[in-house]
């Protein structure tokens, strides 16, 4: 499989950020215990998302503010990947009703990033 190539002309950084991902994880700004790992996850998500067609509307822009759904979707994906560190088998927790699993595919993230069945039509 060929490596994914980032779209040319995208804004620096992002779309996901350390601060935005920590906010979604309900981790306070002063809590830096997991910053190195979250930073790695955010970088991996950004490399992936910056190569996807959902990032095309940001080409030529100064920042990612014009595509808030891509920022939100990328930070949701980073949050999911970070949460999976403690659940390699997909088990989030075990309660009185049994195991609670991290979903394999999240339709909300797919919708925000225009993936799968939410991908727009492509011509040519």
PDB file of N, CA and C in Angstrom:
ATOM      1  N   UNK A   1       0.837  -1.166   0.000  1.00  0.00           N
ATOM      2  CA  UNK A   1       0.000   0.000   0.000  1.00  0.00           C
ATOM      3  C   UNK A   1       0.889   1.238   0.000  1.00  0.00           C
ATOM      4  N   UNK A   2       0.580   2.172  -0.870  1.00  0.00           N
ATOM      5  CA  UNK A   2       1.356   3.403  -0.970  1.00  0.00           C
ATOM      6  C   UNK A   2       1.103   4.284   0.246  1.00  0.00           C
ATOM      7  N   UNK A   3       2.147   4.988   0.700  1.00  0.00           N
ATOM      8  CA  UNK A   3       1.940   5.884   1.848  1.00  0.00           C
ATOM      9  C   UNK A   3       1.000   7.030   1.485  1.00  0.00           C
ATOM     10  N   UNK A   4       0.252   7.472   2.467  1.00  0.00           N
ATOM     11  CA  UNK A   4      -0.663   8.594   2.250  1.00  0.00           C
ATOM     12  C   UNK A   4       0.155   9.879   2.102  1.00  0.00           C
ATOM     13  N   UNK A   5      -0.274  10.720   1.204  1.00  0.00           N
ATOM     14  CA  UNK A   5       0.432  11.967   0.947  1.00  0.00           C
ATOM     15  C   UNK A   5      -0.449  13.122   1.401  1.00  0.00           C
ATOM     16  N   UNK A   6       0.138  13.993   2.212  1.00  0.00           N
ATOM     17  CA  UNK A   6      -0.594  15.164   2.711  1.00  0.00           C
ATOM     18  C   UNK A   6      -0.949  16.091   1.563  1.00  0.00           C
ATOM     19  N   UNK A   7      -2.135  16.666   1.635  1.00  0.00           N
ATOM     20  CA  UNK A   7      -2.555  17.632   0.631  1.00  0.00           C
ATOM     21  C   UNK A   7      -1.664  18.871   0.705  1.00  0.00           C
ATOM     22  N   UNK A   8      -1.292  19.415  -0.422  1.00  0.00           N
ATOM     23  CA  UNK A   8      -0.455  20.612  -0.457  1.00  0.00           C
ATOM     24  C   UNK A   8      -1.287  21.833  -0.090  1.00  0.00           C
ATOM     25  N   UNK A   9      -0.652  22.785   0.583  1.00  0.00           N
ATOM     26  CA  UNK A   9      -1.282  24.064   0.872  1.00  0.00           C
ATOM     27  C   UNK A   9      -2.156  24.109   2.110  1.00  0.00           C
ATOM     28  N   UNK A  10      -2.063  23.077   2.965  1.00  0.00           N
ATOM     29  CA  UNK A  10      -2.871  23.086   4.193  1.00  0.00           C
ATOM     30  C   UNK A  10      -2.249  24.009   5.235  1.00  0.00           C
ATOM     31  N   UNK A  11      -3.046  24.521   6.167  1.00  0.00           N
ATOM     32  CA  UNK A  11      -2.505  25.350   7.243  1.00  0.00           C
ATOM     33  C   UNK A  11      -1.518  24.553   8.098  1.00  0.00           C
ATOM     34  N   UNK A  12      -0.624  25.250   8.759  1.00  0.00           N
ATOM     35  CA  UNK A  12       0.322  24.594   9.664  1.00  0.00           C
ATOM     36  C   UNK A  12      -0.426  23.933  10.810  1.00  0.00           C
ATOM     37  N   UNK A  13       0.111  22.823  11.283  1.00  0.00           N
ATOM     38  CA  UNK A  13      -0.482  22.135  12.431  1.00  0.00           C
ATOM     39  C   UNK A  13      -1.856  21.592  12.115  1.00  0.00           C
ATOM     40  N   UNK A  14      -2.464  21.002  13.135  1.00  0.00           N
ATOM     41  CA  UNK A  14      -3.854  20.549  13.044  1.00  0.00           C
ATOM     42  C   UNK A  14      -4.159  19.589  11.923  1.00  0.00           C
ATOM     43  N   UNK A  15      -5.401  19.228  11.844  1.00  0.00           N
ATOM     44  CA  UNK A  15      -6.549  19.874  12.457  1.00  0.00           C
ATOM     45  C   UNK A  15      -6.726  19.594  13.956  1.00  0.00           C
ATOM     46  N   UNK A  16      -6.314  18.427  14.435  1.00  0.00           N
ATOM     47  CA  UNK A  16      -6.438  18.141  15.869  1.00  0.00           C
ATOM     48  C   UNK A  16      -5.323  18.864  16.624  1.00  0.00           C
ATOM     49  N   UNK A  17      -5.609  19.226  17.872  1.00  0.00           N
ATOM     50  CA  UNK A  17      -4.607  19.866  18.717  1.00  0.00           C
ATOM     51  C   UNK A  17      -4.547  19.150  20.059  1.00  0.00           C
ATOM     52  N   UNK A  18      -3.439  19.338  20.742  1.00  0.00           N
ATOM     53  CA  UNK A  18      -3.281  18.770  22.082  1.00  0.00           C
ATOM     54  C   UNK A  18      -4.354  19.335  23.005  1.00  0.00           C
ATOM     55  N   UNK A  19      -4.543  20.651  22.979  1.00  0.00           N
ATOM     56  CA  UNK A  19      -5.520  21.290  23.877  1.00  0.00           C
ATOM     57  C   UNK A  19      -6.941  20.814  23.597  1.00  0.00           C
ATOM     58  N   UNK A  20      -7.316  20.748  22.332  1.00  0.00           N
ATOM     59  CA  UNK A  20      -8.664  20.318  21.978  1.00  0.00           C
ATOM     60  C   UNK A  20      -8.917  18.863  22.345  1.00  0.00           C
ATOM     61  N   UNK A  21      -7.922  18.019  22.146  1.00  0.00           N
ATOM     62  CA  UNK A  21      -8.061  16.603  22.484  1.00  0.00           C
ATOM     63  C   UNK A  21      -8.153  16.424  23.996  1.00  0.00           C
ATOM     64  N   UNK A  22      -7.342  17.165  24.746  1.00  0.00           N
ATOM     65  CA  UNK A  22      -7.415  17.087  26.214  1.00  0.00           C
ATOM     66  C   UNK A  22      -8.767  17.567  26.715  1.00  0.00           C
ATOM     67  N   UNK A  23      -9.308  18.589  26.082  1.00  0.00           N
ATOM     68  CA  UNK A  23     -10.628  19.092  26.475  1.00  0.00           C
ATOM     69  C   UNK A  23     -11.682  17.992  26.275  1.00  0.00           C
ATOM     70  N   UNK A  24     -11.628  17.298  25.142  1.00  0.00           N
ATOM     71  CA  UNK A  24     -12.589  16.218  24.883  1.00  0.00           C
ATOM     72  C   UNK A  24     -12.402  15.038  25.832  1.00  0.00           C
ATOM     73  N   UNK A  25     -11.180  14.843  26.314  1.00  0.00           N
ATOM     74  CA  UNK A  25     -10.897  13.772  27.261  1.00  0.00           C
ATOM     75  C   UNK A  25     -11.181  14.189  28.708  1.00  0.00           C
ATOM     76  N   UNK A  26     -11.593  15.443  28.906  1.00  0.00           N
ATOM     77  CA  UNK A  26     -11.819  16.015  30.247  1.00  0.00           C
ATOM     78  C   UNK A  26     -10.560  15.980  31.094  1.00  0.00           C
ATOM     79  N   UNK A  27      -9.430  16.281  30.450  1.00  0.00           N
ATOM     80  CA  UNK A  27      -8.146  16.376  31.142  1.00  0.00           C
ATOM     81  C   UNK A  27      -7.811  17.853  31.271  1.00  0.00           C
ATOM     82  N   UNK A  28      -7.574  18.306  32.479  1.00  0.00           N
ATOM     83  CA  UNK A  28      -7.279  19.710  32.722  1.00  0.00           C
ATOM     84  C   UNK A  28      -5.978  20.155  32.082  1.00  0.00           C
ATOM     85  N   UNK A  29      -5.878  21.446  31.811  1.00  0.00           N
ATOM     86  CA  UNK A  29      -4.690  22.026  31.186  1.00  0.00           C
ATOM     87  C   UNK A  29      -3.447  21.770  32.036  1.00  0.00           C
ATOM     88  N   UNK A  30      -3.603  21.842  33.364  1.00  0.00           N
ATOM     89  CA  UNK A  30      -2.461  21.650  34.257  1.00  0.00           C
ATOM     90  C   UNK A  30      -2.026  20.204  34.400  1.00  0.00           C
ATOM     91  N   UNK A  31      -2.854  19.267  33.981  1.00  0.00           N
ATOM     92  CA  UNK A  31      -2.522  17.846  34.069  1.00  0.00           C
ATOM     93  C   UNK A  31      -1.713  17.470  32.834  1.00  0.00           C
ATOM     94  N   UNK A  32      -0.404  17.340  33.001  1.00  0.00           N
ATOM     95  CA  UNK A  32       0.481  17.087  31.863  1.00  0.00           C
ATOM     96  C   UNK A  32       1.012  15.649  31.842  1.00  0.00           C
ATOM     97  N   UNK A  33       0.486  14.789  32.692  1.00  0.00           N
ATOM     98  CA  UNK A  33       0.998  13.419  32.811  1.00  0.00           C
ATOM     99  C   UNK A  33       0.974  12.661  31.486  1.00  0.00           C
ATOM    100  N   UNK A  34      -0.062  12.851  30.693  1.00  0.00           N
ATOM    101  CA  UNK A  34      -0.192  12.102  29.442  1.00  0.00           C
ATOM    102  C   UNK A  34       0.089  12.944  28.201  1.00  0.00           C
ATOM    103  N   UNK A  35       0.633  14.136  28.375  1.00  0.00           N
ATOM    104  CA  UNK A  35       0.834  15.033  27.236  1.00  0.00           C
ATOM    105  C   UNK A  35       1.696  14.422  26.133  1.00  0.00           C
ATOM    106  N   UNK A  36       2.759  13.694  26.495  1.00  0.00           N
ATOM    107  CA  UNK A  36       3.625  13.116  25.470  1.00  0.00           C
ATOM    108  C   UNK A  36       2.861  12.110  24.616  1.00  0.00           C
ATOM    109  N   UNK A  37       2.094  11.237  25.252  1.00  0.00           N
ATOM    110  CA  UNK A  37       1.330  10.237  24.515  1.00  0.00           C
ATOM    111  C   UNK A  37       0.212  10.890  23.696  1.00  0.00           C
ATOM    112  N   UNK A  38      -0.489  11.845  24.286  1.00  0.00           N
ATOM    113  CA  UNK A  38      -1.562  12.531  23.545  1.00  0.00           C
ATOM    114  C   UNK A  38      -0.971  13.267  22.347  1.00  0.00           C
ATOM    115  N   UNK A  39       0.186  13.883  22.511  1.00  0.00           N
ATOM    116  CA  UNK A  39       0.849  14.586  21.411  1.00  0.00           C
ATOM    117  C   UNK A  39       1.177  13.615  20.278  1.00  0.00           C
ATOM    118  N   UNK A  40       1.646  12.419  20.608  1.00  0.00           N
ATOM    119  CA  UNK A  40       1.937  11.407  19.586  1.00  0.00           C
ATOM    120  C   UNK A  40       0.669  10.981  18.854  1.00  0.00           C
ATOM    121  N   UNK A  41      -0.404  10.775  19.604  1.00  0.00           N
ATOM    122  CA  UNK A  41      -1.673  10.367  19.004  1.00  0.00           C
ATOM    123  C   UNK A  41      -2.201  11.479  18.096  1.00  0.00           C
ATOM    124  N   UNK A  42      -2.155  12.721  18.564  1.00  0.00           N
ATOM    125  CA  UNK A  42      -2.624  13.861  17.766  1.00  0.00           C
ATOM    126  C   UNK A  42      -1.812  13.965  16.476  1.00  0.00           C
ATOM    127  N   UNK A  43      -0.503  13.781  16.559  1.00  0.00           N
ATOM    128  CA  UNK A  43       0.350  13.851  15.364  1.00  0.00           C
ATOM    129  C   UNK A  43      -0.020  12.748  14.370  1.00  0.00           C
ATOM    130  N   UNK A  44      -0.283  11.542  14.863  1.00  0.00           N
ATOM    131  CA  UNK A  44      -0.658  10.429  13.983  1.00  0.00           C
ATOM    132  C   UNK A  44      -2.001  10.698  13.310  1.00  0.00           C
ATOM    133  N   UNK A  45      -2.960  11.186  14.076  1.00  0.00           N
ATOM    134  CA  UNK A  45      -4.275  11.514  13.512  1.00  0.00           C
ATOM    135  C   UNK A  45      -4.128  12.616  12.464  1.00  0.00           C
ATOM    136  N   UNK A  46      -3.341  13.631  12.765  1.00  0.00           N
ATOM    137  CA  UNK A  46      -3.173  14.733  11.816  1.00  0.00           C
ATOM    138  C   UNK A  46      -2.521  14.265  10.520  1.00  0.00           C
ATOM    139  N   UNK A  47      -1.524  13.372  10.600  1.00  0.00           N
ATOM    140  CA  UNK A  47      -0.905  12.851   9.380  1.00  0.00           C
ATOM    141  C   UNK A  47      -1.942  12.143   8.513  1.00  0.00           C
ATOM    142  N   UNK A  48      -2.821  11.403   9.146  1.00  0.00           N
ATOM    143  CA  UNK A  48      -3.848  10.668   8.428  1.00  0.00           C
ATOM    144  C   UNK A  48      -4.902  11.604   7.832  1.00  0.00           C
ATOM    145  N   UNK A  49      -5.466  12.468   8.666  1.00  0.00           N
ATOM    146  CA  UNK A  49      -6.561  13.341   8.229  1.00  0.00           C
ATOM    147  C   UNK A  49      -6.086  14.350   7.184  1.00  0.00           C
ATOM    148  N   UNK A  50      -4.846  14.813   7.273  1.00  0.00           N
ATOM    149  CA  UNK A  50      -4.326  15.790   6.317  1.00  0.00           C
ATOM    150  C   UNK A  50      -4.174  15.199   4.913  1.00  0.00           C
ATOM    151  N   UNK A  51      -4.265  13.875   4.790  1.00  0.00           N
ATOM    152  CA  UNK A  51      -4.193  13.223   3.484  1.00  0.00           C
ATOM    153  C   UNK A  51      -5.576  12.865   2.945  1.00  0.00           C
ATOM    154  N   UNK A  52      -6.615  13.054   3.733  1.00  0.00           N
ATOM    155  CA  UNK A  52      -7.976  12.692   3.331  1.00  0.00           C
ATOM    156  C   UNK A  52      -8.661  13.852   2.624  1.00  0.00           C
ATOM    157  N   UNK A  53      -9.609  13.544   1.755  1.00  0.00           N
ATOM    158  CA  UNK A  53     -10.332  14.599   1.035  1.00  0.00           C
ATOM    159  C   UNK A  53     -11.069  15.581   1.940  1.00  0.00           C
ATOM    160  N   UNK A  54     -11.417  15.190   3.154  1.00  0.00           N
ATOM    161  CA  UNK A  54     -12.131  16.110   4.054  1.00  0.00           C
ATOM    162  C   UNK A  54     -11.311  17.360   4.356  1.00  0.00           C
ATOM    163  N   UNK A  55      -9.992  17.288   4.157  1.00  0.00           N
ATOM    164  CA  UNK A  55      -9.123  18.435   4.438  1.00  0.00           C
ATOM    165  C   UNK A  55      -9.036  19.419   3.279  1.00  0.00           C
ATOM    166  N   UNK A  56      -9.546  19.047   2.114  1.00  0.00           N
ATOM    167  CA  UNK A  56      -9.439  19.908   0.932  1.00  0.00           C
ATOM    168  C   UNK A  56      -9.986  21.318   1.143  1.00  0.00           C
ATOM    169  N   UNK A  57     -11.113  21.511   1.863  1.00  0.00           N
ATOM    170  CA  UNK A  57     -11.606  22.886   2.039  1.00  0.00           C
ATOM    171  C   UNK A  57     -10.638  23.797   2.811  1.00  0.00           C
ATOM    172  N   UNK A  58      -9.659  23.234   3.511  1.00  0.00           N
ATOM    173  CA  UNK A  58      -8.702  24.045   4.271  1.00  0.00           C
ATOM    174  C   UNK A  58      -7.491  24.458   3.442  1.00  0.00           C
ATOM    175  N   UNK A  59      -7.353  23.923   2.219  1.00  0.00           N
ATOM    176  CA  UNK A  59      -6.210  24.277   1.375  1.00  0.00           C
ATOM    177  C   UNK A  59      -6.229  25.781   1.116  1.00  0.00           C
ATOM    178  N   UNK A  60      -5.110  26.411   1.368  1.00  0.00           N
ATOM    179  CA  UNK A  60      -4.973  27.851   1.143  1.00  0.00           C
ATOM    180  C   UNK A  60      -5.441  28.716   2.299  1.00  0.00           C
ATOM    181  N   UNK A  61      -6.037  28.117   3.314  1.00  0.00           N
ATOM    182  CA  UNK A  61      -6.516  28.891   4.471  1.00  0.00           C
ATOM    183  C   UNK A  61      -5.365  29.139   5.455  1.00  0.00           C
ATOM    184  N   UNK A  62      -5.536  30.163   6.291  1.00  0.00           N
ATOM    185  CA  UNK A  62      -4.526  30.475   7.299  1.00  0.00           C
ATOM    186  C   UNK A  62      -4.586  29.529   8.486  1.00  0.00           C
ATOM    187  N   UNK A  63      -5.794  29.020   8.776  1.00  0.00           N
ATOM    188  CA  UNK A  63      -5.956  28.088   9.892  1.00  0.00           C
ATOM    189  C   UNK A  63      -7.120  27.149   9.593  1.00  0.00           C
ATOM    190  N   UNK A  64      -7.461  26.324  10.561  1.00  0.00           N
ATOM    191  CA  UNK A  64      -8.491  25.298  10.384  1.00  0.00           C
ATOM    192  C   UNK A  64      -9.883  25.780  10.799  1.00  0.00           C
ATOM    193  N   UNK A  65     -10.045  27.051  11.120  1.00  0.00           N
ATOM    194  CA  UNK A  65     -11.330  27.534  11.620  1.00  0.00           C
ATOM    195  C   UNK A  65     -12.458  27.429  10.590  1.00  0.00           C
ATOM    196  N   UNK A  66     -12.124  27.375   9.312  1.00  0.00           N
ATOM    197  CA  UNK A  66     -13.148  27.287   8.277  1.00  0.00           C
ATOM    198  C   UNK A  66     -13.742  25.897   8.100  1.00  0.00           C
ATOM    199  N   UNK A  67     -13.148  24.914   8.749  1.00  0.00           N
ATOM    200  CA  UNK A  67     -13.656  23.533   8.663  1.00  0.00           C
ATOM    201  C   UNK A  67     -13.787  22.945  10.070  1.00  0.00           C
ATOM    202  N   UNK A  68     -14.689  23.526  10.877  1.00  0.00           N
ATOM    203  CA  UNK A  68     -14.796  23.075  12.271  1.00  0.00           C
ATOM    204  C   UNK A  68     -15.188  21.606  12.396  1.00  0.00           C
ATOM    205  N   UNK A  69     -15.937  21.069  11.418  1.00  0.00           N
ATOM    206  CA  UNK A  69     -16.315  19.661  11.498  1.00  0.00           C
ATOM    207  C   UNK A  69     -15.097  18.746  11.328  1.00  0.00           C
ATOM    208  N   UNK A  70     -14.103  19.178  10.560  1.00  0.00           N
ATOM    209  CA  UNK A  70     -12.877  18.388  10.403  1.00  0.00           C
ATOM    210  C   UNK A  70     -12.057  18.447  11.686  1.00  0.00           C
ATOM    211  N   UNK A  71     -11.965  19.624  12.292  1.00  0.00           N
ATOM    212  CA  UNK A  71     -11.259  19.764  13.569  1.00  0.00           C
ATOM    213  C   UNK A  71     -11.927  18.894  14.628  1.00  0.00           C
ATOM    214  N   UNK A  72     -13.238  18.990  14.728  1.00  0.00           N
ATOM    215  CA  UNK A  72     -13.987  18.214  15.711  1.00  0.00           C
ATOM    216  C   UNK A  72     -13.829  16.718  15.465  1.00  0.00           C
ATOM    217  N   UNK A  73     -13.950  16.291  14.214  1.00  0.00           N
ATOM    218  CA  UNK A  73     -13.808  14.878  13.878  1.00  0.00           C
ATOM    219  C   UNK A  73     -12.407  14.364  14.153  1.00  0.00           C
ATOM    220  N   UNK A  74     -11.392  15.162  13.829  1.00  0.00           N
ATOM    221  CA  UNK A  74     -10.009  14.749  14.073  1.00  0.00           C
ATOM    222  C   UNK A  74      -9.737  14.628  15.574  1.00  0.00           C
ATOM    223  N   UNK A  75     -10.265  15.563  16.357  1.00  0.00           N
ATOM    224  CA  UNK A  75     -10.069  15.483  17.807  1.00  0.00           C
ATOM    225  C   UNK A  75     -10.863  14.330  18.408  1.00  0.00           C
ATOM    226  N   UNK A  76     -12.038  14.024  17.855  1.00  0.00           N
ATOM    227  CA  UNK A  76     -12.779  12.835  18.293  1.00  0.00           C
ATOM    228  C   UNK A  76     -11.979  11.570  18.006  1.00  0.00           C
ATOM    229  N   UNK A  77     -11.362  11.507  16.826  1.00  0.00           N
ATOM    230  CA  UNK A  77     -10.562  10.341  16.464  1.00  0.00           C
ATOM    231  C   UNK A  77      -9.343  10.220  17.375  1.00  0.00           C
ATOM    232  N   UNK A  78      -8.678  11.325  17.671  1.00  0.00           N
ATOM    233  CA  UNK A  78      -7.536  11.296  18.585  1.00  0.00           C
ATOM    234  C   UNK A  78      -7.971  10.845  19.979  1.00  0.00           C
ATOM    235  N   UNK A  79      -9.126  11.308  20.415  1.00  0.00           N
ATOM    236  CA  UNK A  79      -9.661  10.901  21.714  1.00  0.00           C
ATOM    237  C   UNK A  79      -9.904   9.400  21.739  1.00  0.00           C
ATOM    238  N   UNK A  80     -10.500   8.878  20.686  1.00  0.00           N
ATOM    239  CA  UNK A  80     -10.764   7.441  20.601  1.00  0.00           C
ATOM    240  C   UNK A  80      -9.457   6.649  20.645  1.00  0.00           C
ATOM    241  N   UNK A  81      -8.481   7.078  19.846  1.00  0.00           N
ATOM    242  CA  UNK A  81      -7.200   6.352  19.816  1.00  0.00           C
ATOM    243  C   UNK A  81      -6.514   6.394  21.174  1.00  0.00           C
ATOM    244  N   UNK A  82      -6.556   7.543  21.849  1.00  0.00           N
ATOM    245  CA  UNK A  82      -5.936   7.641  23.170  1.00  0.00           C
ATOM    246  C   UNK A  82      -6.644   6.719  24.162  1.00  0.00           C
ATOM    247  N   UNK A  83      -7.961   6.704  24.127  1.00  0.00           N
ATOM    248  CA  UNK A  83      -8.727   5.850  25.040  1.00  0.00           C
ATOM    249  C   UNK A  83      -8.443   4.375  24.784  1.00  0.00           C
ATOM    250  N   UNK A  84      -8.093   3.998  23.563  1.00  0.00           N
ATOM    251  CA  UNK A  84      -7.827   2.602  23.241  1.00  0.00           C
ATOM    252  C   UNK A  84      -6.513   2.102  23.841  1.00  0.00           C
ATOM    253  N   UNK A  85      -5.650   2.989  24.322  1.00  0.00           N
ATOM    254  CA  UNK A  85      -4.365   2.552  24.888  1.00  0.00           C
ATOM    255  C   UNK A  85      -4.556   1.596  26.052  1.00  0.00           C
ATOM    256  N   UNK A  86      -5.628   1.788  26.803  1.00  0.00           N
ATOM    257  CA  UNK A  86      -5.887   0.925  27.954  1.00  0.00           C
ATOM    258  C   UNK A  86      -6.864  -0.190  27.654  1.00  0.00           C
ATOM    259  N   UNK A  87      -7.238  -0.315  26.381  1.00  0.00           N
ATOM    260  CA  UNK A  87      -8.218  -1.346  26.029  1.00  0.00           C
ATOM    261  C   UNK A  87      -7.882  -1.955  24.673  1.00  0.00           C
ATOM    262  N   UNK A  88      -6.725  -2.624  24.565  1.00  0.00           N
ATOM    263  CA  UNK A  88      -6.336  -3.163  23.264  1.00  0.00           C
ATOM    264  C   UNK A  88      -7.331  -4.179  22.704  1.00  0.00           C
ATOM    265  N   UNK A  89      -8.092  -4.834  23.562  1.00  0.00           N
ATOM    266  CA  UNK A  89      -9.091  -5.790  23.088  1.00  0.00           C
ATOM    267  C   UNK A  89     -10.429  -5.103  22.845  1.00  0.00           C
ATOM    268  N   UNK A  90     -10.501  -3.797  23.108  1.00  0.00           N
ATOM    269  CA  UNK A  90     -11.722  -3.054  22.871  1.00  0.00           C
ATOM    270  C   UNK A  90     -12.643  -2.953  24.072  1.00  0.00           C
ATOM    271  N   UNK A  91     -12.239  -3.534  25.216  1.00  0.00           N
ATOM    272  CA  UNK A  91     -13.078  -3.476  26.413  1.00  0.00           C
ATOM    273  C   UNK A  91     -12.777  -2.188  27.157  1.00  0.00           C
ATOM    274  N   UNK A  92     -13.778  -1.322  27.268  1.00  0.00           N
ATOM    275  CA  UNK A  92     -13.632  -0.038  27.967  1.00  0.00           C
ATOM    276  C   UNK A  92     -13.738  -0.230  29.472  1.00  0.00           C
ATOM    277  N   UNK A  93     -14.736  -0.992  29.899  1.00  0.00           N
ATOM    278  CA  UNK A  93     -14.930  -1.265  31.326  1.00  0.00           C
ATOM    279  C   UNK A  93     -15.864  -2.463  31.470  1.00  0.00           C
ATOM    280  N   UNK A  94     -15.933  -2.954  32.688  1.00  0.00           N
ATOM    281  CA  UNK A  94     -16.842  -4.060  32.973  1.00  0.00           C
ATOM    282  C   UNK A  94     -17.740  -3.623  34.119  1.00  0.00           C
ATOM    283  N   UNK A  95     -19.040  -3.671  33.875  1.00  0.00           N
ATOM    284  CA  UNK A  95     -20.015  -3.246  34.873  1.00  0.00           C
ATOM    285  C   UNK A  95     -20.950  -4.375  35.229  1.00  0.00           C
ATOM    286  N   UNK A  96     -22.009  -4.025  35.907  1.00  0.00           N
ATOM    287  CA  UNK A  96     -22.964  -5.037  36.362  1.00  0.00           C
ATOM    288  C   UNK A  96     -23.691  -5.722  35.202  1.00  0.00           C
ATOM    289  N   UNK A  97     -23.739  -5.056  34.046  1.00  0.00           N
ATOM    290  CA  UNK A  97     -24.400  -5.636  32.880  1.00  0.00           C
ATOM    291  C   UNK A  97     -23.423  -6.292  31.910  1.00  0.00           C
ATOM    292  N   UNK A  98     -22.157  -6.366  32.288  1.00  0.00           N
ATOM    293  CA  UNK A  98     -21.152  -6.983  31.430  1.00  0.00           C
ATOM    294  C   UNK A  98     -20.158  -5.964  30.896  1.00  0.00           C
ATOM    295  N   UNK A  99     -19.447  -6.366  29.858  1.00  0.00           N
ATOM    296  CA  UNK A  99     -18.392  -5.526  29.295  1.00  0.00           C
ATOM    297  C   UNK A  99     -18.982  -4.377  28.475  1.00  0.00           C
ATOM    298  N   UNK A 100     -18.298  -3.231  28.537  1.00  0.00           N
ATOM    299  CA  UNK A 100     -18.621  -2.076  27.711  1.00  0.00           C
ATOM    300  C   UNK A 100     -17.455  -1.915  26.745  1.00  0.00           C
ATOM    301  N   UNK A 101     -17.741  -1.929  25.456  1.00  0.00           N
ATOM    302  CA  UNK A 101     -16.700  -1.906  24.445  1.00  0.00           C
ATOM    303  C   UNK A 101     -16.553  -0.531  23.811  1.00  0.00           C
ATOM    304  N   UNK A 102     -15.318  -0.224  23.370  1.00  0.00           N
ATOM    305  CA  UNK A 102     -15.073   0.945  22.542  1.00  0.00           C
ATOM    306  C   UNK A 102     -15.508   0.539  21.142  1.00  0.00           C
ATOM    307  N   UNK A 103     -16.357   1.349  20.518  1.00  0.00           N
ATOM    308  CA  UNK A 103     -16.849   1.010  19.177  1.00  0.00           C
ATOM    309  C   UNK A 103     -15.695   0.934  18.187  1.00  0.00           C
ATOM    310  N   UNK A 104     -15.778  -0.043  17.290  1.00  0.00           N
ATOM    311  CA  UNK A 104     -14.756  -0.181  16.260  1.00  0.00           C
ATOM    312  C   UNK A 104     -14.868   0.941  15.240  1.00  0.00           C
ATOM    313  N   UNK A 105     -16.069   1.228  14.824  1.00  0.00           N
ATOM    314  CA  UNK A 105     -16.324   2.297  13.864  1.00  0.00           C
ATOM    315  C   UNK A 105     -17.341   3.253  14.467  1.00  0.00           C
ATOM    316  N   UNK A 106     -17.059   4.518  14.358  1.00  0.00           N
ATOM    317  CA  UNK A 106     -17.944   5.519  14.931  1.00  0.00           C
ATOM    318  C   UNK A 106     -18.589   6.316  13.805  1.00  0.00           C
ATOM    319  N   UNK A 107     -19.890   6.160  13.599  1.00  0.00           N
ATOM    320  CA  UNK A 107     -20.530   6.888  12.502  1.00  0.00           C
ATOM    321  C   UNK A 107     -20.471   8.404  12.669  1.00  0.00           C
ATOM    322  N   UNK A 108     -20.395   8.890  13.902  1.00  0.00           N
ATOM    323  CA  UNK A 108     -20.304  10.341  14.097  1.00  0.00           C
ATOM    324  C   UNK A 108     -18.982  10.881  13.554  1.00  0.00           C
ATOM    325  N   UNK A 109     -17.893  10.172  13.814  1.00  0.00           N
ATOM    326  CA  UNK A 109     -16.590  10.600  13.293  1.00  0.00           C
ATOM    327  C   UNK A 109     -16.594  10.495  11.771  1.00  0.00           C
ATOM    328  N   UNK A 110     -17.135   9.399  11.240  1.00  0.00           N
ATOM    329  CA  UNK A 110     -17.200   9.230   9.780  1.00  0.00           C
ATOM    330  C   UNK A 110     -17.996  10.364   9.139  1.00  0.00           C
ATOM    331  N   UNK A 111     -19.084  10.778   9.781  1.00  0.00           N
ATOM    332  CA  UNK A 111     -19.900  11.852   9.240  1.00  0.00           C
ATOM    333  C   UNK A 111     -19.118  13.169   9.242  1.00  0.00           C
ATOM    334  N   UNK A 112     -18.440  13.468  10.334  1.00  0.00           N
ATOM    335  CA  UNK A 112     -17.694  14.723  10.437  1.00  0.00           C
ATOM    336  C   UNK A 112     -16.553  14.788   9.425  1.00  0.00           C
ATOM    337  N   UNK A 113     -15.922  13.632   9.170  1.00  0.00           N
ATOM    338  CA  UNK A 113     -14.764  13.608   8.281  1.00  0.00           C
ATOM    339  C   UNK A 113     -15.117  13.173   6.854  1.00  0.00           C
ATOM    340  N   UNK A 114     -16.394  12.915   6.594  1.00  0.00           N
ATOM    341  CA  UNK A 114     -16.811  12.535   5.248  1.00  0.00           C
ATOM    342  C   UNK A 114     -16.215  11.214   4.802  1.00  0.00           C
ATOM    343  N   UNK A 115     -16.239  10.221   5.680  1.00  0.00           N
ATOM    344  CA  UNK A 115     -15.649   8.925   5.377  1.00  0.00           C
ATOM    345  C   UNK A 115     -16.716   7.885   5.065  1.00  0.00           C
ATOM    346  N   UNK A 116     -16.329   6.833   4.359  1.00  0.00           N
ATOM    347  CA  UNK A 116     -17.231   5.717   4.105  1.00  0.00           C
ATOM    348  C   UNK A 116     -18.506   6.147   3.406  1.00  0.00           C
ATOM    349  N   UNK A 117     -19.634   5.760   3.970  1.00  0.00           N
ATOM    350  CA  UNK A 117     -20.923   6.080   3.349  1.00  0.00           C
ATOM    351  C   UNK A 117     -21.223   7.571   3.384  1.00  0.00           C
ATOM    352  N   UNK A 118     -20.459   8.337   4.161  1.00  0.00           N
ATOM    353  CA  UNK A 118     -20.668   9.781   4.245  1.00  0.00           C
ATOM    354  C   UNK A 118     -19.781  10.552   3.272  1.00  0.00           C
ATOM    355  N   UNK A 119     -18.975   9.828   2.491  1.00  0.00           N
ATOM    356  CA  UNK A 119     -18.108  10.474   1.521  1.00  0.00           C
ATOM    357  C   UNK A 119     -18.951  11.034   0.379  1.00  0.00           C
ATOM    358  N   UNK A 120     -18.627  12.229  -0.028  1.00  0.00           N
ATOM    359  CA  UNK A 120     -19.370  12.848  -1.117  1.00  0.00           C
ATOM    360  C   UNK A 120     -19.047  12.201  -2.448  1.00  0.00           C
ATOM    361  N   UNK A 121     -19.836  12.481  -3.469  1.00  0.00           N
ATOM    362  CA  UNK A 121     -19.573  11.902  -4.786  1.00  0.00           C
ATOM    363  C   UNK A 121     -18.267  12.437  -5.366  1.00  0.00           C
ATOM    364  N   UNK A 122     -17.576  11.576  -6.081  1.00  0.00           N
ATOM    365  CA  UNK A 122     -16.307  11.947  -6.698  1.00  0.00           C
ATOM    366  C   UNK A 122     -16.440  11.768  -8.200  1.00  0.00           C
ATOM    367  N   UNK A 123     -16.043  12.772  -8.938  1.00  0.00           N
ATOM    368  CA  UNK A 123     -16.109  12.720 -10.386  1.00  0.00           C
ATOM    369  C   UNK A 123     -14.692  12.757 -10.928  1.00  0.00           C
ATOM    370  N   UNK A 124     -14.398  11.837 -11.828  1.00  0.00           N
ATOM    371  CA  UNK A 124     -13.098  11.835 -12.487  1.00  0.00           C
ATOM    372  C   UNK A 124     -12.093  10.992 -11.904  1.00  0.00           C
TER     373      UNK A 124
END
